[in-house]
mmCIF file of all heavy atoms, coordinates in Angstrom:
data_MODEL
# 
_entry.id   MODEL 
# 
loop_
_atom_site.group_PDB 
_atom_site.id 
_atom_site.type_symbol 
_atom_site.label_atom_id 
_atom_site.label_alt_id 
_atom_site.label_comp_id 
_atom_site.label_asym_id 
_atom_site.label_entity_id 
_atom_site.label_seq_id 
_atom_site.pdbx_PDB_ins_code 
_atom_site.Cartn_x 
_atom_site.Cartn_y 
_atom_site.Cartn_z 
_atom_site.occupancy 
_atom_site.B_iso_or_equiv 
_atom_site.pdbx_formal_charge 
_atom_site.auth_seq_id 
_atom_site.auth_comp_id 
_atom_site.auth_asym_id 
_atom_site.auth_atom_id 
_atom_site.pdbx_PDB_model_num 
ATOM 1   N N   . THR A 1 1  ? 92.131  100.068 105.879 1.00 0.00 ? 1  THR A N   1 
ATOM 2   C CA  . THR A 1 1  ? 91.785  101.303 106.566 1.00 0.00 ? 1  THR A CA  1 
ATOM 3   C C   . THR A 1 1  ? 92.380  101.351 108.063 1.00 0.00 ? 1  THR A C   1 
ATOM 4   O O   . THR A 1 1  ? 92.970  100.186 108.357 1.00 0.00 ? 1  THR A O   1 
ATOM 5   C CB  . THR A 1 1  ? 90.172  101.143 106.899 1.00 0.00 ? 1  THR A CB  1 
ATOM 6   O OG1 . THR A 1 1  ? 89.868  99.958  107.706 1.00 0.00 ? 1  THR A OG1 1 
ATOM 7   C CG2 . THR A 1 1  ? 89.382  101.107 105.556 1.00 0.00 ? 1  THR A CG2 1 
ATOM 8   N N   . THR A 1 2  ? 92.351  102.343 108.679 1.00 0.00 ? 2  THR A N   1 
ATOM 9   C CA  . THR A 1 2  ? 93.024  102.370 109.982 1.00 0.00 ? 2  THR A CA  1 
ATOM 10  C C   . THR A 1 2  ? 92.039  103.089 110.967 1.00 0.00 ? 2  THR A C   1 
ATOM 11  O O   . THR A 1 2  ? 91.180  103.869 110.604 1.00 0.00 ? 2  THR A O   1 
ATOM 12  C CB  . THR A 1 2  ? 94.269  103.306 109.927 1.00 0.00 ? 2  THR A CB  1 
ATOM 13  O OG1 . THR A 1 2  ? 93.920  104.646 109.341 1.00 0.00 ? 2  THR A OG1 1 
ATOM 14  C CG2 . THR A 1 2  ? 95.369  102.679 108.934 1.00 0.00 ? 2  THR A CG2 1 
ATOM 15  N N   . ALA A 1 3  ? 92.181  102.699 112.302 1.00 0.00 ? 3  ALA A N   1 
ATOM 16  C CA  . ALA A 1 3  ? 91.361  103.275 113.325 1.00 0.00 ? 3  ALA A CA  1 
ATOM 17  C C   . ALA A 1 3  ? 92.434  103.363 114.481 1.00 0.00 ? 3  ALA A C   1 
ATOM 18  O O   . ALA A 1 3  ? 92.565  102.337 115.312 1.00 0.00 ? 3  ALA A O   1 
ATOM 19  C CB  . ALA A 1 3  ? 90.188  102.393 113.722 1.00 0.00 ? 3  ALA A CB  1 
ATOM 20  N N   . LEU A 1 4  ? 92.968  104.481 114.611 1.00 0.00 ? 4  LEU A N   1 
ATOM 21  C CA  . LEU A 1 4  ? 94.059  104.661 115.515 1.00 0.00 ? 4  LEU A CA  1 
ATOM 22  C C   . LEU A 1 4  ? 93.666  105.484 116.813 1.00 0.00 ? 4  LEU A C   1 
ATOM 23  O O   . LEU A 1 4  ? 93.120  106.632 116.641 1.00 0.00 ? 4  LEU A O   1 
ATOM 24  C CB  . LEU A 1 4  ? 95.271  105.366 114.785 1.00 0.00 ? 4  LEU A CB  1 
ATOM 25  C CG  . LEU A 1 4  ? 95.778  104.758 113.551 1.00 0.00 ? 4  LEU A CG  1 
ATOM 26  C CD1 . LEU A 1 4  ? 96.842  105.678 112.923 1.00 0.00 ? 4  LEU A CD1 1 
ATOM 27  C CD2 . LEU A 1 4  ? 96.149  103.438 113.686 1.00 0.00 ? 4  LEU A CD2 1 
ATOM 28  N N   . ALA A 1 5  ? 93.889  104.886 118.003 1.00 0.00 ? 5  ALA A N   1 
ATOM 29  C CA  . ALA A 1 5  ? 93.525  105.496 119.163 1.00 0.00 ? 5  ALA A CA  1 
ATOM 30  C C   . ALA A 1 5  ? 94.444  106.733 119.568 1.00 0.00 ? 5  ALA A C   1 
ATOM 31  O O   . ALA A 1 5  ? 95.602  106.694 119.354 1.00 0.00 ? 5  ALA A O   1 
ATOM 32  C CB  . ALA A 1 5  ? 93.564  104.521 120.442 1.00 0.00 ? 5  ALA A CB  1 
ATOM 33  N N   . GLY A 1 6  ? 93.744  107.715 119.927 1.00 0.00 ? 6  GLY A N   1 
ATOM 34  C CA  . GLY A 1 6  ? 94.518  108.955 120.340 1.00 0.00 ? 6  GLY A CA  1 
ATOM 35  C C   . GLY A 1 6  ? 95.243  109.065 121.505 1.00 0.00 ? 6  GLY A C   1 
ATOM 36  O O   . GLY A 1 6  ? 96.121  109.892 121.891 1.00 0.00 ? 6  GLY A O   1 
ATOM 37  N N   . ASN A 1 7  ? 94.976  107.955 122.504 1.00 0.00 ? 7  ASN A N   1 
ATOM 38  C CA  . ASN A 1 7  ? 95.564  108.001 123.781 1.00 0.00 ? 7  ASN A CA  1 
ATOM 39  C C   . ASN A 1 7  ? 96.578  106.894 123.976 1.00 0.00 ? 7  ASN A C   1 
ATOM 40  O O   . ASN A 1 7  ? 96.816  106.442 125.139 1.00 0.00 ? 7  ASN A O   1 
ATOM 41  C CB  . ASN A 1 7  ? 94.294  107.865 124.859 1.00 0.00 ? 7  ASN A CB  1 
ATOM 42  C CG  . ASN A 1 7  ? 93.714  106.486 124.638 1.00 0.00 ? 7  ASN A CG  1 
ATOM 43  O OD1 . ASN A 1 7  ? 93.755  105.924 123.577 1.00 0.00 ? 7  ASN A OD1 1 
ATOM 44  N ND2 . ASN A 1 7  ? 93.099  105.985 125.656 1.00 0.00 ? 7  ASN A ND2 1 
ATOM 45  N N   . CYS A 1 8  ? 97.169  106.545 122.926 1.00 0.00 ? 8  CYS A N   1 
ATOM 46  C CA  . CYS A 1 8  ? 98.243  105.412 122.906 1.00 0.00 ? 8  CYS A CA  1 
ATOM 47  C C   . CYS A 1 8  ? 99.392  105.931 123.697 1.00 0.00 ? 8  CYS A C   1 
ATOM 48  O O   . CYS A 1 8  ? 99.926  106.974 123.588 1.00 0.00 ? 8  CYS A O   1 
ATOM 49  C CB  . CYS A 1 8  ? 98.649  105.020 121.554 1.00 0.00 ? 8  CYS A CB  1 
ATOM 50  S SG  . CYS A 1 8  ? 97.436  103.943 120.718 1.00 0.00 ? 8  CYS A SG  1 
ATOM 51  N N   . SER A 1 9  ? 99.904  104.887 124.684 1.00 0.00 ? 9  SER A N   1 
ATOM 52  C CA  . SER A 1 9  ? 101.005 105.395 125.563 1.00 0.00 ? 9  SER A CA  1 
ATOM 53  C C   . SER A 1 9  ? 102.224 105.349 124.754 1.00 0.00 ? 9  SER A C   1 
ATOM 54  O O   . SER A 1 9  ? 102.474 104.539 123.598 1.00 0.00 ? 9  SER A O   1 
ATOM 55  C CB  . SER A 1 9  ? 101.181 104.349 126.634 1.00 0.00 ? 9  SER A CB  1 
ATOM 56  O OG  . SER A 1 9  ? 99.982  104.256 127.367 1.00 0.00 ? 9  SER A OG  1 
ATOM 57  N N   . PRO A 1 10 ? 103.452 106.027 125.057 1.00 0.00 ? 10 PRO A N   1 
ATOM 58  C CA  . PRO A 1 10 ? 104.591 106.088 124.263 1.00 0.00 ? 10 PRO A CA  1 
ATOM 59  C C   . PRO A 1 10 ? 105.330 104.793 124.429 1.00 0.00 ? 10 PRO A C   1 
ATOM 60  O O   . PRO A 1 10 ? 105.133 104.018 125.385 1.00 0.00 ? 10 PRO A O   1 
ATOM 61  C CB  . PRO A 1 10 ? 105.319 107.242 124.924 1.00 0.00 ? 10 PRO A CB  1 
ATOM 62  C CG  . PRO A 1 10 ? 104.783 107.379 126.204 1.00 0.00 ? 10 PRO A CG  1 
ATOM 63  C CD  . PRO A 1 10 ? 103.336 107.032 126.211 1.00 0.00 ? 10 PRO A CD  1 
ATOM 64  N N   . LEU A 1 11 ? 106.128 104.420 123.426 1.00 0.00 ? 11 LEU A N   1 
ATOM 65  C CA  . LEU A 1 11 ? 106.861 103.163 123.344 1.00 0.00 ? 11 LEU A CA  1 
ATOM 66  C C   . LEU A 1 11 ? 108.370 103.537 123.307 1.00 0.00 ? 11 LEU A C   1 
ATOM 67  O O   . LEU A 1 11 ? 108.740 104.527 122.708 1.00 0.00 ? 11 LEU A O   1 
ATOM 68  C CB  . LEU A 1 11 ? 106.567 102.342 122.135 1.00 0.00 ? 11 LEU A CB  1 
ATOM 69  C CG  . LEU A 1 11 ? 105.094 101.808 122.055 1.00 0.00 ? 11 LEU A CG  1 
ATOM 70  C CD1 . LEU A 1 11 ? 104.906 101.063 120.724 1.00 0.00 ? 11 LEU A CD1 1 
ATOM 71  C CD2 . LEU A 1 11 ? 104.748 100.848 123.261 1.00 0.00 ? 11 LEU A CD2 1 
ATOM 72  N N   . LEU A 1 12 ? 109.136 102.715 123.902 1.00 0.00 ? 12 LEU A N   1 
ATOM 73  C CA  . LEU A 1 12 ? 110.613 102.692 123.718 1.00 0.00 ? 12 LEU A CA  1 
ATOM 74  C C   . LEU A 1 12 ? 110.953 101.482 122.998 1.00 0.00 ? 12 LEU A C   1 
ATOM 75  O O   . LEU A 1 12 ? 110.889 100.342 123.426 1.00 0.00 ? 12 LEU A O   1 
ATOM 76  C CB  . LEU A 1 12 ? 111.309 102.664 125.041 1.00 0.00 ? 12 LEU A CB  1 
ATOM 77  C CG  . LEU A 1 12 ? 111.657 104.098 125.770 1.00 0.00 ? 12 LEU A CG  1 
ATOM 78  C CD1 . LEU A 1 12 ? 112.303 103.924 126.982 1.00 0.00 ? 12 LEU A CD1 1 
ATOM 79  C CD2 . LEU A 1 12 ? 112.357 104.964 124.753 1.00 0.00 ? 12 LEU A CD2 1 
ATOM 80  N N   . ALA A 1 13 ? 111.050 101.615 121.608 1.00 0.00 ? 13 ALA A N   1 
ATOM 81  C CA  . ALA A 1 13 ? 111.254 100.457 120.708 1.00 0.00 ? 13 ALA A CA  1 
ATOM 82  C C   . ALA A 1 13 ? 112.126 100.729 119.570 1.00 0.00 ? 13 ALA A C   1 
ATOM 83  O O   . ALA A 1 13 ? 112.522 101.877 119.399 1.00 0.00 ? 13 ALA A O   1 
ATOM 84  C CB  . ALA A 1 13 ? 109.799 99.951  120.265 1.00 0.00 ? 13 ALA A CB  1 
ATOM 85  N N   . ASP A 1 14 ? 112.456 99.722  118.813 1.00 0.00 ? 14 ASP A N   1 
ATOM 86  C CA  . ASP A 1 14 ? 113.246 99.851  117.616 1.00 0.00 ? 14 ASP A CA  1 
ATOM 87  C C   . ASP A 1 14 ? 112.264 100.206 116.411 1.00 0.00 ? 14 ASP A C   1 
ATOM 88  O O   . ASP A 1 14 ? 111.480 99.232  116.083 1.00 0.00 ? 14 ASP A O   1 
ATOM 89  C CB  . ASP A 1 14 ? 113.996 98.532  117.245 1.00 0.00 ? 14 ASP A CB  1 
ATOM 90  C CG  . ASP A 1 14 ? 115.110 98.772  116.252 1.00 0.00 ? 14 ASP A CG  1 
ATOM 91  O OD1 . ASP A 1 14 ? 114.780 99.306  115.234 1.00 0.00 ? 14 ASP A OD1 1 
ATOM 92  O OD2 . ASP A 1 14 ? 116.129 98.165  116.332 1.00 0.00 ? 14 ASP A OD2 1 
ATOM 93  N N   . PRO A 1 15 ? 112.245 101.361 115.931 1.00 0.00 ? 15 PRO A N   1 
ATOM 94  C CA  . PRO A 1 15 ? 111.136 101.684 114.875 1.00 0.00 ? 15 PRO A CA  1 
ATOM 95  C C   . PRO A 1 15 ? 111.399 100.748 113.620 1.00 0.00 ? 15 PRO A C   1 
ATOM 96  O O   . PRO A 1 15 ? 110.314 100.496 112.956 1.00 0.00 ? 15 PRO A O   1 
ATOM 97  C CB  . PRO A 1 15 ? 111.522 103.123 114.536 1.00 0.00 ? 15 PRO A CB  1 
ATOM 98  C CG  . PRO A 1 15 ? 112.877 103.404 115.035 1.00 0.00 ? 15 PRO A CG  1 
ATOM 99  C CD  . PRO A 1 15 ? 113.106 102.473 116.234 1.00 0.00 ? 15 PRO A CD  1 
ATOM 100 N N   . GLN A 1 16 ? 112.625 100.446 113.225 1.00 0.00 ? 16 GLN A N   1 
ATOM 101 C CA  . GLN A 1 16 ? 112.795 99.653  112.035 1.00 0.00 ? 16 GLN A CA  1 
ATOM 102 C C   . GLN A 1 16 ? 112.207 98.183  112.295 1.00 0.00 ? 16 GLN A C   1 
ATOM 103 O O   . GLN A 1 16 ? 111.558 97.602  111.354 1.00 0.00 ? 16 GLN A O   1 
ATOM 104 C CB  . GLN A 1 16 ? 114.250 99.515  111.720 1.00 0.00 ? 16 GLN A CB  1 
ATOM 105 C CG  . GLN A 1 16 ? 114.815 100.938 111.166 1.00 0.00 ? 16 GLN A CG  1 
ATOM 106 C CD  . GLN A 1 16 ? 116.270 100.718 110.644 1.00 0.00 ? 16 GLN A CD  1 
ATOM 107 O OE1 . GLN A 1 16 ? 116.928 99.745  110.912 1.00 0.00 ? 16 GLN A OE1 1 
ATOM 108 N NE2 . GLN A 1 16 ? 116.752 101.792 109.872 1.00 0.00 ? 16 GLN A NE2 1 
ATOM 109 N N   . LEU A 1 17 ? 112.533 97.543  113.474 1.00 0.00 ? 17 LEU A N   1 
ATOM 110 C CA  . LEU A 1 17 ? 111.972 96.311  113.625 1.00 0.00 ? 17 LEU A CA  1 
ATOM 111 C C   . LEU A 1 17 ? 110.442 96.372  113.816 1.00 0.00 ? 17 LEU A C   1 
ATOM 112 O O   . LEU A 1 17 ? 109.837 95.298  113.178 1.00 0.00 ? 17 LEU A O   1 
ATOM 113 C CB  . LEU A 1 17 ? 112.628 95.708  114.827 1.00 0.00 ? 17 LEU A CB  1 
ATOM 114 C CG  . LEU A 1 17 ? 114.143 95.384  114.888 1.00 0.00 ? 17 LEU A CG  1 
ATOM 115 C CD1 . LEU A 1 17 ? 114.549 94.792  116.247 1.00 0.00 ? 17 LEU A CD1 1 
ATOM 116 C CD2 . LEU A 1 17 ? 114.408 94.353  113.792 1.00 0.00 ? 17 LEU A CD2 1 
ATOM 117 N N   . LEU A 1 18 ? 109.991 97.438  114.434 1.00 0.00 ? 18 LEU A N   1 
ATOM 118 C CA  . LEU A 1 18 ? 108.449 97.430  114.507 1.00 0.00 ? 18 LEU A CA  1 
ATOM 119 C C   . LEU A 1 18 ? 107.811 97.559  113.121 1.00 0.00 ? 18 LEU A C   1 
ATOM 120 O O   . LEU A 1 18 ? 106.719 97.010  112.868 1.00 0.00 ? 18 LEU A O   1 
ATOM 121 C CB  . LEU A 1 18 ? 108.018 98.564  115.472 1.00 0.00 ? 18 LEU A CB  1 
ATOM 122 C CG  . LEU A 1 18 ? 108.166 98.236  117.006 1.00 0.00 ? 18 LEU A CG  1 
ATOM 123 C CD1 . LEU A 1 18 ? 107.512 99.413  117.754 1.00 0.00 ? 18 LEU A CD1 1 
ATOM 124 C CD2 . LEU A 1 18 ? 107.591 96.911  117.317 1.00 0.00 ? 18 LEU A CD2 1 
ATOM 125 N N   . SER A 1 19 ? 108.515 98.334  112.260 1.00 0.00 ? 19 SER A N   1 
ATOM 126 C CA  . SER A 1 19 ? 107.890 98.572  110.925 1.00 0.00 ? 19 SER A CA  1 
ATOM 127 C C   . SER A 1 19 ? 108.010 97.257  110.108 1.00 0.00 ? 19 SER A C   1 
ATOM 128 O O   . SER A 1 19 ? 107.000 96.920  109.451 1.00 0.00 ? 19 SER A O   1 
ATOM 129 C CB  . SER A 1 19 ? 108.872 99.622  110.161 1.00 0.00 ? 19 SER A CB  1 
ATOM 130 O OG  . SER A 1 19 ? 108.639 100.907 110.711 1.00 0.00 ? 19 SER A OG  1 
ATOM 131 N N   . ARG A 1 20 ? 108.943 96.550  110.434 1.00 0.00 ? 20 ARG A N   1 
ATOM 132 C CA  . ARG A 1 20 ? 109.051 95.139  109.803 1.00 0.00 ? 20 ARG A CA  1 
ATOM 133 C C   . ARG A 1 20 ? 108.051 94.340  110.155 1.00 0.00 ? 20 ARG A C   1 
ATOM 134 O O   . ARG A 1 20 ? 107.327 93.564  109.360 1.00 0.00 ? 20 ARG A O   1 
ATOM 135 C CB  . ARG A 1 20 ? 110.511 94.410  110.080 1.00 0.00 ? 20 ARG A CB  1 
ATOM 136 C CG  . ARG A 1 20 ? 110.759 93.250  109.470 1.00 0.00 ? 20 ARG A CG  1 
ATOM 137 C CD  . ARG A 1 20 ? 111.408 93.438  108.009 1.00 0.00 ? 20 ARG A CD  1 
ATOM 138 N NE  . ARG A 1 20 ? 112.434 94.459  107.950 1.00 0.00 ? 20 ARG A NE  1 
ATOM 139 C CZ  . ARG A 1 20 ? 113.576 94.479  108.386 1.00 0.00 ? 20 ARG A CZ  1 
ATOM 140 N NH1 . ARG A 1 20 ? 114.120 93.271  108.988 1.00 0.00 ? 20 ARG A NH1 1 
ATOM 141 N NH2 . ARG A 1 20 ? 114.473 95.379  108.284 1.00 0.00 ? 20 ARG A NH2 1 
ATOM 142 N N   . ALA A 1 21 ? 107.747 94.297  111.467 1.00 0.00 ? 21 ALA A N   1 
ATOM 143 C CA  . ALA A 1 21 ? 106.736 93.446  112.138 1.00 0.00 ? 21 ALA A CA  1 
ATOM 144 C C   . ALA A 1 21 ? 105.399 93.803  111.611 1.00 0.00 ? 21 ALA A C   1 
ATOM 145 O O   . ALA A 1 21 ? 104.627 92.916  111.033 1.00 0.00 ? 21 ALA A O   1 
ATOM 146 C CB  . ALA A 1 21 ? 106.883 93.452  113.562 1.00 0.00 ? 21 ALA A CB  1 
ATOM 147 N N   . ILE A 1 22 ? 104.964 95.069  111.698 1.00 0.00 ? 22 ILE A N   1 
ATOM 148 C CA  . ILE A 1 22 ? 103.602 95.458  111.231 1.00 0.00 ? 22 ILE A CA  1 
ATOM 149 C C   . ILE A 1 22 ? 103.550 95.155  109.703 1.00 0.00 ? 22 ILE A C   1 
ATOM 150 O O   . ILE A 1 22 ? 102.480 94.918  109.181 1.00 0.00 ? 22 ILE A O   1 
ATOM 151 C CB  . ILE A 1 22 ? 103.414 96.970  111.646 1.00 0.00 ? 22 ILE A CB  1 
ATOM 152 C CG1 . ILE A 1 22 ? 103.412 97.088  113.138 1.00 0.00 ? 22 ILE A CG1 1 
ATOM 153 C CG2 . ILE A 1 22 ? 102.133 97.462  111.137 1.00 0.00 ? 22 ILE A CG2 1 
ATOM 154 C CD1 . ILE A 1 22 ? 103.390 98.517  113.705 1.00 0.00 ? 22 ILE A CD1 1 
ATOM 155 N N   . GLY A 1 23 ? 104.537 95.537  108.985 1.00 0.00 ? 23 GLY A N   1 
ATOM 156 C CA  . GLY A 1 23 ? 104.524 95.407  107.594 1.00 0.00 ? 23 GLY A CA  1 
ATOM 157 C C   . GLY A 1 23 ? 104.357 93.848  107.125 1.00 0.00 ? 23 GLY A C   1 
ATOM 158 O O   . GLY A 1 23 ? 103.725 93.710  106.189 1.00 0.00 ? 23 GLY A O   1 
ATOM 159 N N   . ASN A 1 24 ? 105.133 92.980  107.886 1.00 0.00 ? 24 ASN A N   1 
ATOM 160 C CA  . ASN A 1 24 ? 104.806 91.584  107.619 1.00 0.00 ? 24 ASN A CA  1 
ATOM 161 C C   . ASN A 1 24 ? 103.383 91.166  107.911 1.00 0.00 ? 24 ASN A C   1 
ATOM 162 O O   . ASN A 1 24 ? 102.773 90.333  107.120 1.00 0.00 ? 24 ASN A O   1 
ATOM 163 C CB  . ASN A 1 24 ? 105.834 90.647  108.571 1.00 0.00 ? 24 ASN A CB  1 
ATOM 164 C CG  . ASN A 1 24 ? 107.168 90.599  108.028 1.00 0.00 ? 24 ASN A CG  1 
ATOM 165 O OD1 . ASN A 1 24 ? 107.355 91.169  106.847 1.00 0.00 ? 24 ASN A OD1 1 
ATOM 166 N ND2 . ASN A 1 24 ? 108.072 90.235  108.703 1.00 0.00 ? 24 ASN A ND2 1 
# 
């Protein structure tokens, strides 16, 4: 399940690396 906040601040990041981290 997910509970995602609607007021998250924007990020300047590498989407592929973040996907890898959250996926792991």
